[in-house]
Protein backbone atom coordinates (compact mmCIF):
# COMPACT_ATOMS: atom_id res chain seq x y z
CA MET A 1 2.66 6.33 -1.97
CA ALA A 2 5.35 4.22 -0.34
CA GLY A 3 8.63 5.56 1.00
CA GLY A 4 7.89 8.94 -0.57
CA VAL A 5 7.77 7.44 -4.09
CA VAL A 6 4.61 7.81 -6.17
CA SER A 7 3.90 4.67 -8.17
CA GLU A 8 3.65 4.97 -11.93
CA ALA A 9 0.12 4.56 -13.19
CA VAL A 10 -0.45 1.52 -15.37
CA VAL A 11 -3.41 3.35 -16.93
CA ALA A 12 -3.49 7.16 -17.13
CA VAL A 13 -6.39 8.84 -18.92
CA ASP A 14 -6.22 12.63 -18.79
CA ASP A 15 -9.04 14.94 -19.91
CA VAL A 16 -10.13 12.75 -22.82
CA SER A 17 -13.11 13.87 -24.89
CA PHE A 18 -14.74 12.13 -27.82
CA ARG A 19 -17.85 12.62 -29.94
CA TYR A 20 -19.06 10.09 -32.50
CA PRO A 21 -19.74 11.53 -35.97
CA GLY A 22 -23.25 12.93 -36.16
CA ALA A 23 -23.89 12.56 -32.42
CA SER A 24 -25.55 15.42 -30.58
CA SER A 25 -23.71 14.82 -27.31
CA MET A 26 -20.23 13.85 -26.19
CA ALA A 27 -19.52 10.16 -25.60
CA LEU A 28 -16.62 11.19 -23.35
CA ASP A 29 -16.40 14.65 -21.85
CA GLY A 30 -13.14 15.37 -20.04
CA LEU A 31 -12.66 11.82 -18.77
CA SER A 32 -9.73 11.36 -16.38
CA LEU A 33 -8.79 8.11 -14.66
CA ARG A 34 -5.66 6.66 -13.05
CA ILE A 35 -5.15 2.98 -12.23
CA ASP A 36 -2.01 1.94 -10.38
CA ALA A 37 -0.23 -1.40 -10.52
CA GLY A 38 -2.17 -4.23 -8.90
CA GLU A 39 -5.45 -2.33 -8.56
CA ARG A 40 -8.73 -3.99 -9.51
CA VAL A 41 -11.21 -1.31 -10.50
CA ALA A 42 -14.85 -1.73 -11.51
CA MET A 43 -16.27 0.77 -13.99
CA LEU A 44 -19.99 1.16 -13.37
CA GLY A 45 -22.52 3.28 -15.19
CA PRO A 46 -25.86 3.27 -16.99
CA ASN A 47 -26.25 2.35 -20.64
CA GLY A 48 -24.91 5.11 -22.85
CA SER A 49 -22.61 6.50 -20.18
CA GLY A 50 -19.44 6.00 -22.24
CA LYS A 51 -18.03 2.83 -20.66
CA THR A 52 -17.35 0.98 -23.89
CA THR A 53 -15.99 4.07 -25.61
CA SER A 54 -13.62 4.67 -22.72
CA ILE A 55 -12.08 1.19 -22.79
CA LEU A 56 -11.73 1.27 -26.59
CA HIS A 57 -9.48 4.30 -26.09
CA LEU A 58 -7.10 2.25 -23.93
CA ASN A 59 -5.69 0.29 -26.84
CA GLY A 60 -6.41 2.67 -29.67
CA LEU A 61 -9.47 0.96 -31.13
CA VAL A 62 -11.00 4.44 -30.99
CA GLU A 63 -8.77 7.41 -31.73
CA ARG A 64 -8.96 10.12 -29.07
CA GLN A 65 -10.03 13.59 -30.15
CA ALA A 66 -8.72 15.47 -27.11
CA GLY A 67 -6.65 14.63 -24.04
CA THR A 68 -4.08 11.88 -23.54
CA VAL A 69 -4.05 8.16 -22.78
CA THR A 70 -0.90 6.44 -21.51
CA ILE A 71 -0.28 2.79 -20.67
CA GLY A 72 2.71 2.64 -18.37
CA ASN A 73 5.11 5.02 -20.03
CA VAL A 74 3.74 4.45 -23.55
CA PRO A 75 1.37 7.04 -25.06
CA VAL A 76 -1.56 5.56 -26.96
CA VAL A 77 -0.79 6.95 -30.41
CA GLU A 78 -0.70 5.25 -33.79
CA ALA A 79 3.05 4.68 -33.78
CA ASN A 80 2.81 2.72 -30.50
CA LEU A 81 -0.32 0.65 -31.11
CA ARG A 82 1.44 -2.71 -31.44
CA GLU A 83 3.12 -2.27 -28.06
CA VAL A 84 0.01 -0.79 -26.46
CA ARG A 85 -2.12 -3.72 -27.58
CA ARG A 86 0.37 -6.14 -26.09
CA ARG A 87 0.24 -4.26 -22.79
CA VAL A 88 -3.57 -3.97 -22.68
CA GLY A 89 -5.32 -7.33 -22.65
CA MET A 90 -8.93 -6.89 -23.75
CA VAL A 91 -11.39 -9.61 -22.74
CA PHE A 92 -14.55 -8.98 -24.73
CA GLN A 93 -18.11 -9.59 -23.60
CA ASP A 94 -18.60 -12.49 -26.04
CA PRO A 95 -15.93 -15.22 -25.80
CA ASP A 96 -16.65 -16.09 -29.44
CA ASP A 97 -14.77 -12.90 -30.35
CA GLN A 98 -11.59 -14.55 -29.01
CA LEU A 99 -12.13 -18.27 -29.56
CA PHE A 100 -12.12 -19.30 -33.21
CA LEU A 101 -9.60 -22.13 -33.72
CA GLN A 102 -9.94 -25.89 -33.38
CA THR A 103 -8.64 -26.23 -29.83
CA VAL A 104 -8.31 -24.02 -26.79
CA ARG A 105 -4.53 -24.50 -26.90
CA ASP A 106 -4.43 -23.17 -30.48
CA ASP A 107 -6.43 -20.11 -29.45
CA VAL A 108 -4.21 -19.40 -26.45
CA ALA A 109 -1.09 -19.77 -28.62
CA PHE A 110 -2.42 -17.43 -31.31
CA GLY A 111 -1.37 -14.17 -29.63
CA PRO A 112 2.20 -15.17 -28.78
CA SER A 113 2.60 -16.61 -32.28
CA ASN A 114 1.55 -13.25 -33.73
CA LEU A 115 4.34 -11.66 -31.67
CA GLY A 116 6.84 -14.00 -33.27
CA ILE A 117 7.24 -16.22 -30.18
CA ARG A 118 7.88 -19.83 -31.12
CA GLY A 119 8.82 -23.21 -29.71
CA GLN A 120 9.28 -23.90 -26.01
CA GLU A 121 8.92 -20.24 -25.03
CA ARG A 122 5.46 -20.08 -26.60
CA ASP A 123 4.47 -23.45 -25.13
CA ASP A 124 5.49 -22.25 -21.67
CA LEU A 125 3.41 -19.07 -22.05
CA VAL A 126 0.40 -21.13 -23.11
CA ASP A 127 0.79 -23.60 -20.26
CA ARG A 128 1.13 -20.81 -17.68
CA ALA A 129 -1.93 -18.99 -19.02
CA LEU A 130 -4.07 -22.12 -18.99
CA ASP A 131 -2.89 -23.00 -15.48
CA ALA A 132 -3.60 -19.47 -14.22
CA VAL A 133 -7.28 -19.78 -15.15
CA GLY A 134 -7.66 -23.43 -14.16
CA ALA A 135 -8.15 -24.53 -17.76
CA THR A 136 -5.26 -26.97 -18.29
CA ASP A 137 -7.74 -29.80 -18.81
CA LEU A 138 -9.47 -27.81 -21.56
CA ALA A 139 -6.36 -27.41 -23.73
CA GLU A 140 -7.31 -29.98 -26.38
CA ARG A 141 -11.05 -29.29 -26.31
CA ASN A 142 -12.93 -27.51 -29.08
CA PRO A 143 -14.01 -24.10 -27.73
CA TYR A 144 -17.52 -24.53 -29.09
CA GLN A 145 -18.05 -27.61 -26.92
CA LEU A 146 -17.35 -25.76 -23.67
CA SER A 147 -19.78 -24.40 -21.10
CA GLY A 148 -20.17 -20.66 -20.67
CA GLY A 149 -17.85 -20.57 -17.69
CA GLU A 150 -15.24 -22.72 -19.43
CA ARG A 151 -15.33 -20.51 -22.53
CA ARG A 152 -14.88 -17.44 -20.34
CA ARG A 153 -11.79 -19.00 -18.76
CA ALA A 154 -10.41 -19.97 -22.15
CA ALA A 155 -10.95 -16.45 -23.51
CA LEU A 156 -9.14 -15.01 -20.50
CA ALA A 157 -6.23 -17.41 -21.09
CA THR A 158 -5.88 -16.14 -24.68
CA VAL A 159 -5.21 -12.69 -23.22
CA LEU A 160 -2.96 -13.80 -20.34
CA SER A 161 -0.64 -15.61 -22.76
CA MET A 162 0.29 -12.16 -24.10
CA GLN A 163 1.54 -11.15 -20.63
CA PRO A 164 -0.36 -7.85 -20.56
CA ASP A 165 0.27 -5.12 -18.01
CA VAL A 166 -3.45 -4.58 -17.50
CA LEU A 167 -6.56 -6.69 -18.07
CA VAL A 168 -9.67 -4.92 -19.34
CA LEU A 169 -12.83 -7.01 -19.09
CA ASP A 170 -16.10 -5.94 -20.70
CA GLU A 171 -19.17 -7.33 -18.88
CA PRO A 172 -17.36 -10.55 -17.94
CA THR A 173 -20.35 -12.08 -16.12
CA SER A 174 -22.65 -11.86 -19.14
CA GLY A 175 -24.30 -15.24 -19.66
CA LEU A 176 -22.83 -16.81 -16.52
CA ASP A 177 -24.93 -18.49 -13.82
CA PRO A 178 -24.40 -17.60 -10.14
CA LEU A 179 -21.76 -20.31 -9.67
CA GLY A 180 -19.92 -19.15 -12.79
CA ARG A 181 -19.94 -15.55 -11.57
CA ARG A 182 -18.58 -16.57 -8.19
CA GLU A 183 -15.83 -18.70 -9.74
CA LEU A 184 -14.86 -15.88 -12.11
CA ALA A 185 -14.64 -13.39 -9.24
CA GLU A 186 -12.37 -15.75 -7.30
CA LEU A 187 -10.23 -16.24 -10.39
CA LEU A 188 -9.76 -12.52 -11.01
CA VAL A 189 -8.88 -11.85 -7.39
CA GLY A 190 -6.38 -14.71 -7.45
CA LEU A 191 -4.57 -13.43 -10.54
CA GLY A 192 -3.20 -10.44 -8.65
CA SER A 193 -2.96 -8.38 -11.85
CA THR A 194 -4.02 -4.83 -12.68
CA GLN A 195 -7.62 -4.96 -13.87
CA LEU A 196 -10.37 -2.68 -15.15
CA VAL A 197 -13.73 -4.43 -15.13
CA VAL A 198 -16.71 -2.89 -16.91
CA THR A 199 -19.85 -4.36 -15.39
CA HIS A 200 -23.52 -3.84 -14.58
CA ASP A 201 -23.23 -6.64 -12.01
CA LEU A 202 -22.93 -4.77 -8.72
CA PRO A 203 -22.59 -7.86 -6.49
CA PHE A 204 -19.78 -9.07 -8.76
CA ALA A 205 -18.05 -5.69 -8.53
CA LEU A 206 -18.28 -5.84 -4.75
CA VAL A 207 -16.53 -9.22 -4.61
CA ALA A 208 -13.98 -8.70 -7.38
CA CYS A 209 -12.95 -5.04 -7.20
CA PRO A 210 -11.95 -3.08 -4.08
CA ARG A 211 -12.28 0.22 -6.00
CA SER A 212 -15.09 1.40 -8.26
CA VAL A 213 -15.74 4.39 -10.47
CA ILE A 214 -19.09 5.52 -11.81
CA LEU A 215 -19.12 6.89 -15.34
CA ASP A 216 -22.09 8.97 -16.47
CA GLU A 217 -22.43 11.25 -19.49
CA GLY A 218 -18.80 10.62 -20.33
CA ARG A 219 -17.36 11.74 -16.99
CA ILE A 220 -16.25 10.07 -13.77
CA VAL A 221 -18.84 11.17 -11.20
CA ALA A 222 -17.72 8.94 -8.31
CA ASP A 223 -14.48 7.18 -7.42
CA GLY A 224 -13.87 5.30 -4.21
CA ALA A 225 -14.07 2.07 -2.28
CA THR A 226 -16.63 -0.27 -3.82
CA THR A 227 -18.18 -0.94 -0.41
CA GLU A 228 -18.82 2.78 0.10
CA ILE A 229 -20.10 3.46 -3.41
CA LEU A 230 -22.54 0.54 -3.36
CA ALA A 231 -23.79 1.57 0.09
CA ASP A 232 -24.73 5.03 -1.23
CA HIS A 233 -28.21 4.26 -2.56
CA GLU A 234 -28.91 7.88 -3.43
CA LEU A 235 -25.77 8.00 -5.58
CA LEU A 236 -26.69 4.75 -7.33
CA ALA A 237 -30.23 5.91 -7.99
CA ARG A 238 -29.06 9.26 -9.33
CA HIS A 239 -26.97 7.46 -11.93
CA ARG A 240 -29.53 4.77 -12.78
CA LEU A 241 -27.68 1.94 -11.05
CA ALA A 242 -30.40 1.09 -8.54
């Protein structure tokens, strides 16, 4: 709160529940989460805790069964999915899910082109996105000839060119060596954007995200400063994170 004004949440998840067909237990069970503008939040949790299901709700890739999800002032409902998916930039675990054209520049331009943006405006968006991730020199390269760290940067640029309100990254350090993880953490911090980072990499979370939440059995069971959560070894052990 600043000056008595409560900031509008960029991400607001309220009492969301979801069960996959045929499943014996809930994937999400009354999940509630708020992320304000500029926050970088790590979502931690054991396998099967509901992390992937929760982020798929943010842009309507999974349809909620109970509760509400809002991005800014836009409810995540079928009628709003085009706008929601522009606002929520999803960076998937495997860069190959986002890099499929002949050059990095073509891939980064794909999203704006789909929005009907053409000419100099699109070129400027592409250039800014590539510059933001330090990938200007990769623009004319074939994505399949890049290193793991370079491909991760290129995939992130494909999302930034859409000018999303929030970045959602799913296991972004997967396949990266220690130097690549450190460079990615520095990059995310430098972007200054609102971010939700799903990760098993606790040292990465400590460097990249001032706030962390622990998700277990479809519910948030801890929410606080990353330094405090990672210092609580009993809490981490109880939720199979240590």
